[in-house]
Amino acid sequence: MRNKKQLVKEVVISPGFLILFLIFLLGIFFQSLLLEHLEKLREIISSYGSLGPLIFILLIALSTILAPINNFLVWLPGFYIFGPERSIAYSLIGGLIGGLSAFLIARKFGRPVVKKIIGKKGMERIDELTKDLGVLTLWLLMVFGVSLFDLVSYAAGLTNVRIKDFFVAILLGPLPLTFLIYLLIKNTQDLITIVAISGVVSITGLSISSVLLFYLHKRRKTRVFRT
């Protein structure tokens, strides 16, 4: 029971959960302020004209590298500039670039540099992730743990996960939840609806991944104890 309570606590206080919850509150209570913020970002990206998509992709990549900045904050204005299809496609490309960059930074420079980039708290979460991070857990986190995308990329770079396995997981893993979000928001322009749907899907995925990882960790400990 204690472990289950700890698991729930970790999900609730996770950076992704808190950021999405904060955005949700902003969308309800400060919609005009958030819209103004989005409008400024939209003006900046739009000012680059034909280079706008490239700037947007680079911003998504940077938000992944500079964890724990959530790329959802960058994606929102992109949604209004490029529409749901293009913004999601650009986000996937940016996430792929950012995730691979984070992986290679961790693999080449190790813990000291990673800690400087993401801070002490982020490093503590990475240490937790690397305890049981293999190909299976990597896939679970990439498929369901969207809000942990950046930290998982750094964590994978600090383990023995092969770059080939990581590339396939980061390329295909985010597609199911991303496609689900697309289906749910493609016909709306309402900010609160978009934030709420994206937040609920992301948090649900994070909760599922946490439960599955808890189960796998428990099974692994049981096997070790038996042997």
C-alpha atoms as a PDB file:
ATOM      1  CA  MET A   1       0.000   0.000   0.000  1.00  0.00           C
ATOM      2  CA  ARG A   2       2.820   2.325   0.829  1.00  0.00           C
ATOM      3  CA  ASN A   3       4.407   1.799  -2.583  1.00  0.00           C
ATOM      4  CA  LYS A   4       1.129   2.544  -4.344  1.00  0.00           C
ATOM      5  CA  LYS A   5       0.725   5.759  -2.381  1.00  0.00           C
ATOM      6  CA  GLN A   6       4.272   6.750  -3.262  1.00  0.00           C
ATOM      7  CA  LEU A   7       3.563   6.028  -6.939  1.00  0.00           C
ATOM      8  CA  VAL A   8       0.465   8.230  -6.924  1.00  0.00           C
ATOM      9  CA  LYS A   9       2.427  10.968  -5.162  1.00  0.00           C
ATOM     10  CA  GLU A  10       5.208  10.833  -7.777  1.00  0.00           C
ATOM     11  CA  VAL A  11       2.683  11.136 -10.617  1.00  0.00           C
ATOM     12  CA  VAL A  12       0.861  14.062  -9.009  1.00  0.00           C
ATOM     13  CA  ILE A  13       4.020  16.044  -8.226  1.00  0.00           C
ATOM     14  CA  SER A  14       5.768  15.241 -11.522  1.00  0.00           C
ATOM     15  CA  PRO A  15       6.874  18.306 -13.528  1.00  0.00           C
ATOM     16  CA  GLY A  16       4.719  17.363 -16.494  1.00  0.00           C
ATOM     17  CA  PHE A  17       1.603  16.991 -14.359  1.00  0.00           C
ATOM     18  CA  LEU A  18       2.188  20.274 -12.543  1.00  0.00           C
ATOM     19  CA  ILE A  19       2.938  22.196 -15.746  1.00  0.00           C
ATOM     20  CA  LEU A  20      -0.149  20.873 -17.507  1.00  0.00           C
ATOM     21  CA  PHE A  21      -2.295  21.569 -14.442  1.00  0.00           C
ATOM     22  CA  LEU A  22      -0.919  25.106 -14.264  1.00  0.00           C
ATOM     23  CA  ILE A  23      -1.668  25.665 -17.945  1.00  0.00           C
ATOM     24  CA  PHE A  24      -5.185  24.345 -17.377  1.00  0.00           C
ATOM     25  CA  LEU A  25      -5.722  26.826 -14.522  1.00  0.00           C
ATOM     26  CA  LEU A  26      -4.326  29.647 -16.636  1.00  0.00           C
ATOM     27  CA  GLY A  27      -6.702  28.681 -19.407  1.00  0.00           C
ATOM     28  CA  ILE A  28      -9.659  28.929 -17.023  1.00  0.00           C
ATOM     29  CA  PHE A  29      -8.788  31.970 -14.937  1.00  0.00           C
ATOM     30  CA  PHE A  30      -6.426  33.929 -17.153  1.00  0.00           C
ATOM     31  CA  GLN A  31      -7.538  33.069 -20.644  1.00  0.00           C
ATOM     32  CA  SER A  32      -7.017  36.597 -21.960  1.00  0.00           C
ATOM     33  CA  LEU A  33      -3.476  36.703 -20.523  1.00  0.00           C
ATOM     34  CA  LEU A  34      -2.612  33.329 -22.038  1.00  0.00           C
ATOM     35  CA  LEU A  35      -4.070  34.349 -25.380  1.00  0.00           C
ATOM     36  CA  GLU A  36      -1.934  37.496 -25.323  1.00  0.00           C
ATOM     37  CA  HIS A  37       1.155  35.379 -24.604  1.00  0.00           C
ATOM     38  CA  LEU A  38       0.292  33.019 -27.444  1.00  0.00           C
ATOM     39  CA  GLU A  39      -0.311  35.944 -29.763  1.00  0.00           C
ATOM     40  CA  LYS A  40       3.182  37.320 -29.052  1.00  0.00           C
ATOM     41  CA  LEU A  41       4.779  33.947 -29.738  1.00  0.00           C
ATOM     42  CA  ARG A  42       2.719  33.637 -32.895  1.00  0.00           C
ATOM     43  CA  GLU A  43       3.905  37.047 -34.071  1.00  0.00           C
ATOM     44  CA  ILE A  44       7.536  36.086 -33.438  1.00  0.00           C
ATOM     45  CA  ILE A  45       7.270  32.808 -35.358  1.00  0.00           C
ATOM     46  CA  SER A  46       5.189  34.353 -38.142  1.00  0.00           C
ATOM     47  CA  SER A  47       7.698  37.188 -38.577  1.00  0.00           C
ATOM     48  CA  TYR A  48      10.179  34.697 -40.050  1.00  0.00           C
ATOM     49  CA  GLY A  49       7.872  34.050 -42.998  1.00  0.00           C
ATOM     50  CA  SER A  50       8.842  30.909 -44.921  1.00  0.00           C
ATOM     51  CA  LEU A  51      11.393  30.116 -42.211  1.00  0.00           C
ATOM     52  CA  GLY A  52       8.608  29.994 -39.613  1.00  0.00           C
ATOM     53  CA  PRO A  53       8.301  26.178 -39.663  1.00  0.00           C
ATOM     54  CA  LEU A  54      12.064  25.821 -39.188  1.00  0.00           C
ATOM     55  CA  ILE A  55      12.039  28.269 -36.255  1.00  0.00           C
ATOM     56  CA  PHE A  56       9.114  26.406 -34.728  1.00  0.00           C
ATOM     57  CA  ILE A  57      10.895  23.039 -35.069  1.00  0.00           C
ATOM     58  CA  LEU A  58      14.055  24.476 -33.485  1.00  0.00           C
ATOM     59  CA  LEU A  59      12.038  25.901 -30.577  1.00  0.00           C
ATOM     60  CA  ILE A  60      10.453  22.497 -29.971  1.00  0.00           C
ATOM     61  CA  ALA A  61      13.911  20.875 -30.092  1.00  0.00           C
ATOM     62  CA  LEU A  62      15.357  23.425 -27.655  1.00  0.00           C
ATOM     63  CA  SER A  63      12.445  22.994 -25.247  1.00  0.00           C
ATOM     64  CA  THR A  64      13.287  19.276 -25.171  1.00  0.00           C
ATOM     65  CA  ILE A  65      17.017  19.829 -24.648  1.00  0.00           C
ATOM     66  CA  LEU A  66      16.498  22.497 -21.975  1.00  0.00           C
ATOM     67  CA  ALA A  67      14.417  20.235 -19.739  1.00  0.00           C
ATOM     68  CA  PRO A  68      12.131  20.623 -17.901  1.00  0.00           C
ATOM     69  CA  ILE A  69      10.732  23.376 -20.183  1.00  0.00           C
ATOM     70  CA  ASN A  70       7.548  21.795 -21.526  1.00  0.00           C
ATOM     71  CA  ASN A  71       7.270  21.948 -25.325  1.00  0.00           C
ATOM     72  CA  PHE A  72       3.504  22.141 -24.948  1.00  0.00           C
ATOM     73  CA  LEU A  73       4.003  25.858 -24.289  1.00  0.00           C
ATOM     74  CA  VAL A  74       5.716  26.162 -27.676  1.00  0.00           C
ATOM     75  CA  TRP A  75       3.300  23.888 -29.517  1.00  0.00           C
ATOM     76  CA  LEU A  76       0.191  25.922 -28.594  1.00  0.00           C
ATOM     77  CA  PRO A  77       1.051  28.996 -30.686  1.00  0.00           C
ATOM     78  CA  GLY A  78       2.176  26.656 -33.463  1.00  0.00           C
ATOM     79  CA  PHE A  79      -1.294  25.146 -33.467  1.00  0.00           C
ATOM     80  CA  TYR A  80      -2.816  28.548 -34.234  1.00  0.00           C
ATOM     81  CA  ILE A  81      -0.181  29.399 -36.857  1.00  0.00           C
ATOM     82  CA  PHE A  82       0.101  26.154 -38.792  1.00  0.00           C
ATOM     83  CA  GLY A  83      -3.075  24.291 -37.879  1.00  0.00           C
ATOM     84  CA  PRO A  84      -3.325  20.906 -36.122  1.00  0.00           C
ATOM     85  CA  GLU A  85      -1.792  18.716 -38.852  1.00  0.00           C
ATOM     86  CA  ARG A  86       1.326  20.778 -39.590  1.00  0.00           C
ATOM     87  CA  SER A  87       1.945  21.822 -35.981  1.00  0.00           C
ATOM     88  CA  ILE A  88       1.843  18.212 -34.795  1.00  0.00           C
ATOM     89  CA  ALA A  89       4.097  17.082 -37.652  1.00  0.00           C
ATOM     90  CA  TYR A  90       6.580  19.870 -36.895  1.00  0.00           C
ATOM     91  CA  SER A  91       6.416  19.041 -33.182  1.00  0.00           C
ATOM     92  CA  LEU A  92       7.239  15.396 -33.849  1.00  0.00           C
ATOM     93  CA  ILE A  93      10.239  16.434 -35.966  1.00  0.00           C
ATOM     94  CA  GLY A  94      11.399  18.926 -33.327  1.00  0.00           C
ATOM     95  CA  GLY A  95      10.918  16.350 -30.581  1.00  0.00           C
ATOM     96  CA  LEU A  96      12.935  13.815 -32.547  1.00  0.00           C
ATOM     97  CA  ILE A  97      15.792  16.286 -33.021  1.00  0.00           C
ATOM     98  CA  GLY A  98      15.683  17.428 -29.401  1.00  0.00           C
ATOM     99  CA  GLY A  99      15.403  13.902 -28.009  1.00  0.00           C
ATOM    100  CA  LEU A 100      18.324  12.624 -30.068  1.00  0.00           C
ATOM    101  CA  SER A 101      20.384  15.662 -29.064  1.00  0.00           C
ATOM    102  CA  ALA A 102      19.639  15.044 -25.370  1.00  0.00           C
ATOM    103  CA  PHE A 103      20.539  11.366 -25.772  1.00  0.00           C
ATOM    104  CA  LEU A 104      23.858  12.160 -27.490  1.00  0.00           C
ATOM    105  CA  ILE A 105      24.740  14.884 -24.979  1.00  0.00           C
ATOM    106  CA  ALA A 106      24.218  12.427 -22.122  1.00  0.00           C
ATOM    107  CA  ARG A 107      26.074   9.640 -23.929  1.00  0.00           C
ATOM    108  CA  LYS A 108      29.109  11.798 -24.817  1.00  0.00           C
ATOM    109  CA  PHE A 109      29.464  14.100 -21.810  1.00  0.00           C
ATOM    110  CA  GLY A 110      27.853  12.101 -19.007  1.00  0.00           C
ATOM    111  CA  ARG A 111      26.223  13.128 -15.746  1.00  0.00           C
ATOM    112  CA  PRO A 112      28.133  16.364 -14.991  1.00  0.00           C
ATOM    113  CA  VAL A 113      26.964  18.137 -18.158  1.00  0.00           C
ATOM    114  CA  VAL A 114      23.436  16.692 -17.951  1.00  0.00           C
ATOM    115  CA  LYS A 115      23.121  17.904 -14.375  1.00  0.00           C
ATOM    116  CA  LYS A 116      24.156  21.423 -15.401  1.00  0.00           C
ATOM    117  CA  ILE A 117      21.483  21.472 -18.116  1.00  0.00           C
ATOM    118  CA  ILE A 118      18.528  20.078 -16.200  1.00  0.00           C
ATOM    119  CA  GLY A 119      19.423  20.902 -12.584  1.00  0.00           C
ATOM    120  CA  LYS A 120      19.510  18.863  -9.389  1.00  0.00           C
ATOM    121  CA  LYS A 121      15.804  17.988  -9.306  1.00  0.00           C
ATOM    122  CA  GLY A 122      15.826  16.848 -12.902  1.00  0.00           C
ATOM    123  CA  MET A 123      18.905  14.744 -12.221  1.00  0.00           C
ATOM    124  CA  GLU A 124      17.173  13.053  -9.302  1.00  0.00           C
ATOM    125  CA  ARG A 125      14.295  12.056 -11.572  1.00  0.00           C
ATOM    126  CA  ILE A 126      16.736  10.777 -14.186  1.00  0.00           C
ATOM    127  CA  ASP A 127      18.476   8.652 -11.554  1.00  0.00           C
ATOM    128  CA  GLU A 128      15.111   7.060 -10.774  1.00  0.00           C
ATOM    129  CA  LEU A 129      14.438   6.412 -14.451  1.00  0.00           C
ATOM    130  CA  THR A 130      17.837   4.837 -15.127  1.00  0.00           C
ATOM    131  CA  LYS A 131      17.403   2.191 -12.413  1.00  0.00           C
ATOM    132  CA  ASP A 132      15.198  -0.016 -14.592  1.00  0.00           C
ATOM    133  CA  LEU A 133      15.514   1.603 -18.007  1.00  0.00           C
ATOM    134  CA  GLY A 134      15.764  -1.018 -20.731  1.00  0.00           C
ATOM    135  CA  VAL A 135      14.224  -1.326 -24.173  1.00  0.00           C
ATOM    136  CA  LEU A 136      10.791  -2.339 -22.811  1.00  0.00           C
ATOM    137  CA  THR A 137      10.587   0.435 -20.223  1.00  0.00           C
ATOM    138  CA  LEU A 138      11.920   2.889 -22.793  1.00  0.00           C
ATOM    139  CA  TRP A 139       9.030   2.030 -25.099  1.00  0.00           C
ATOM    140  CA  LEU A 140       6.487   2.313 -22.295  1.00  0.00           C
ATOM    141  CA  LEU A 141       7.768   5.756 -21.380  1.00  0.00           C
ATOM    142  CA  MET A 142       7.891   6.959 -24.983  1.00  0.00           C
ATOM    143  CA  VAL A 143       4.377   5.691 -25.734  1.00  0.00           C
ATOM    144  CA  PHE A 144       2.635   6.812 -22.545  1.00  0.00           C
ATOM    145  CA  GLY A 145       4.971   9.205 -20.699  1.00  0.00           C
ATOM    146  CA  VAL A 146       4.810  12.140 -23.122  1.00  0.00           C
ATOM    147  CA  SER A 147       5.503  14.711 -20.422  1.00  0.00           C
ATOM    148  CA  LEU A 148       8.704  12.846 -19.454  1.00  0.00           C
ATOM    149  CA  PHE A 149       9.986  12.818 -23.041  1.00  0.00           C
ATOM    150  CA  ASP A 150      12.965  15.087 -22.358  1.00  0.00           C
ATOM    151  CA  LEU A 151      14.091  13.407 -19.138  1.00  0.00           C
ATOM    152  CA  VAL A 152      13.729   9.936 -20.666  1.00  0.00           C
ATOM    153  CA  SER A 153      15.976  11.001 -23.553  1.00  0.00           C
ATOM    154  CA  TYR A 154      18.718  12.085 -21.159  1.00  0.00           C
ATOM    155  CA  ALA A 155      18.209   8.994 -19.002  1.00  0.00           C
ATOM    156  CA  ALA A 156      18.549   6.667 -22.004  1.00  0.00           C
ATOM    157  CA  GLY A 157      21.838   8.332 -22.924  1.00  0.00           C
ATOM    158  CA  LEU A 158      23.215   7.503 -19.492  1.00  0.00           C
ATOM    159  CA  THR A 159      22.378   3.802 -19.818  1.00  0.00           C
ATOM    160  CA  ASN A 160      23.446   0.988 -22.143  1.00  0.00           C
ATOM    161  CA  VAL A 161      20.411   1.456 -24.397  1.00  0.00           C
ATOM    162  CA  ARG A 162      21.627   1.318 -28.000  1.00  0.00           C
ATOM    163  CA  ILE A 163      21.127   4.426 -30.108  1.00  0.00           C
ATOM    164  CA  LYS A 164      19.323   2.307 -32.720  1.00  0.00           C
ATOM    165  CA  ASP A 165      16.750   1.143 -30.149  1.00  0.00           C
ATOM    166  CA  PHE A 166      16.377   4.662 -28.815  1.00  0.00           C
ATOM    167  CA  PHE A 167      15.877   6.127 -32.301  1.00  0.00           C
ATOM    168  CA  VAL A 168      13.092   3.669 -33.153  1.00  0.00           C
ATOM    169  CA  ALA A 169      11.400   4.268 -29.772  1.00  0.00           C
ATOM    170  CA  ILE A 170      11.571   8.060 -30.032  1.00  0.00           C
ATOM    171  CA  LEU A 171      10.409   7.951 -33.669  1.00  0.00           C
ATOM    172  CA  LEU A 172       7.390   5.686 -33.201  1.00  0.00           C
ATOM    173  CA  GLY A 173       6.639   5.820 -29.465  1.00  0.00           C
ATOM    174  CA  PRO A 174       4.952   9.254 -29.301  1.00  0.00           C
ATOM    175  CA  LEU A 175       2.685   8.590 -32.316  1.00  0.00           C
ATOM    176  CA  PRO A 176      -0.303   6.880 -30.582  1.00  0.00           C
ATOM    177  CA  LEU A 177      -0.984   9.607 -27.996  1.00  0.00           C
ATOM    178  CA  THR A 178      -0.146  12.351 -30.487  1.00  0.00           C
ATOM    179  CA  PHE A 179      -2.619  10.913 -32.995  1.00  0.00           C
ATOM    180  CA  LEU A 180      -5.259  10.607 -30.272  1.00  0.00           C
ATOM    181  CA  ILE A 181      -4.793  14.261 -29.297  1.00  0.00           C
ATOM    182  CA  TYR A 182      -5.028  15.248 -32.964  1.00  0.00           C
ATOM    183  CA  LEU A 183      -8.331  13.401 -33.414  1.00  0.00           C
ATOM    184  CA  LEU A 184      -9.772  15.088 -30.329  1.00  0.00           C
ATOM    185  CA  ILE A 185      -8.728  18.679 -31.100  1.00  0.00           C
ATOM    186  CA  LYS A 186      -8.660  18.909 -34.899  1.00  0.00           C
ATOM    187  CA  ASN A 187     -12.136  20.446 -35.105  1.00  0.00           C
ATOM    188  CA  THR A 188     -11.829  23.006 -32.312  1.00  0.00           C
ATOM    189  CA  GLN A 189     -10.200  26.403 -31.951  1.00  0.00           C
ATOM    190  CA  ASP A 190     -11.177  26.899 -28.309  1.00  0.00           C
ATOM    191  CA  LEU A 191      -8.097  27.375 -26.127  1.00  0.00           C
ATOM    192  CA  ILE A 192      -9.525  25.840 -22.946  1.00  0.00           C
ATOM    193  CA  THR A 193     -10.757  22.773 -24.833  1.00  0.00           C
ATOM    194  CA  ILE A 194      -7.358  22.237 -26.475  1.00  0.00           C
ATOM    195  CA  VAL A 195      -5.485  22.646 -23.176  1.00  0.00           C
ATOM    196  CA  ALA A 196      -7.921  20.426 -21.280  1.00  0.00           C
ATOM    197  CA  ILE A 197      -7.893  17.605 -23.842  1.00  0.00           C
ATOM    198  CA  SER A 198      -4.108  17.679 -24.268  1.00  0.00           C
ATOM    199  CA  GLY A 199      -3.615  17.777 -20.503  1.00  0.00           C
ATOM    200  CA  VAL A 200      -6.024  14.925 -19.756  1.00  0.00           C
ATOM    201  CA  VAL A 201      -4.534  12.680 -22.457  1.00  0.00           C
ATOM    202  CA  SER A 202      -0.948  13.417 -21.351  1.00  0.00           C
ATOM    203  CA  ILE A 203      -1.675  12.921 -17.653  1.00  0.00           C
ATOM    204  CA  THR A 204      -3.614   9.719 -18.329  1.00  0.00           C
ATOM    205  CA  GLY A 205      -0.693   8.402 -20.362  1.00  0.00           C
ATOM    206  CA  LEU A 206       1.753   9.331 -17.607  1.00  0.00           C
ATOM    207  CA  SER A 207      -0.411   7.557 -15.023  1.00  0.00           C
ATOM    208  CA  ILE A 208      -0.597   4.414 -17.168  1.00  0.00           C
ATOM    209  CA  SER A 209       3.172   4.394 -17.683  1.00  0.00           C
ATOM    210  CA  SER A 210       3.760   4.863 -13.944  1.00  0.00           C
ATOM    211  CA  VAL A 211       1.513   1.915 -13.080  1.00  0.00           C
ATOM    212  CA  LEU A 212       3.118  -0.330 -15.719  1.00  0.00           C
ATOM    213  CA  LEU A 213       6.629   0.633 -14.621  1.00  0.00           C
ATOM    214  CA  PHE A 214       5.702  -0.036 -10.992  1.00  0.00           C
ATOM    215  CA  TYR A 215       4.427  -3.490 -12.010  1.00  0.00           C
ATOM    216  CA  LEU A 216       7.574  -4.269 -14.034  1.00  0.00           C
ATOM    217  CA  HIS A 217       9.823  -3.077 -11.214  1.00  0.00           C
ATOM    218  CA  LYS A 218       7.939  -5.234  -8.721  1.00  0.00           C
ATOM    219  CA  ARG A 219       8.181  -8.303 -10.991  1.00  0.00           C
ATOM    220  CA  ARG A 220      11.891  -7.741 -11.488  1.00  0.00           C
ATOM    221  CA  LYS A 221      12.501  -7.481  -7.741  1.00  0.00           C
ATOM    222  CA  THR A 222      10.482 -10.666  -7.168  1.00  0.00           C
ATOM    223  CA  ARG A 223      12.563 -12.544  -9.746  1.00  0.00           C
ATOM    224  CA  VAL A 224      15.811 -11.328  -8.194  1.00  0.00           C
ATOM    225  CA  PHE A 225      14.592 -12.388  -4.729  1.00  0.00           C
ATOM    226  CA  ARG A 226      13.673 -15.885  -6.003  1.00  0.00           C
ATOM    227  CA  THR A 227      17.064 -16.385  -7.623  1.00  0.00           C
END
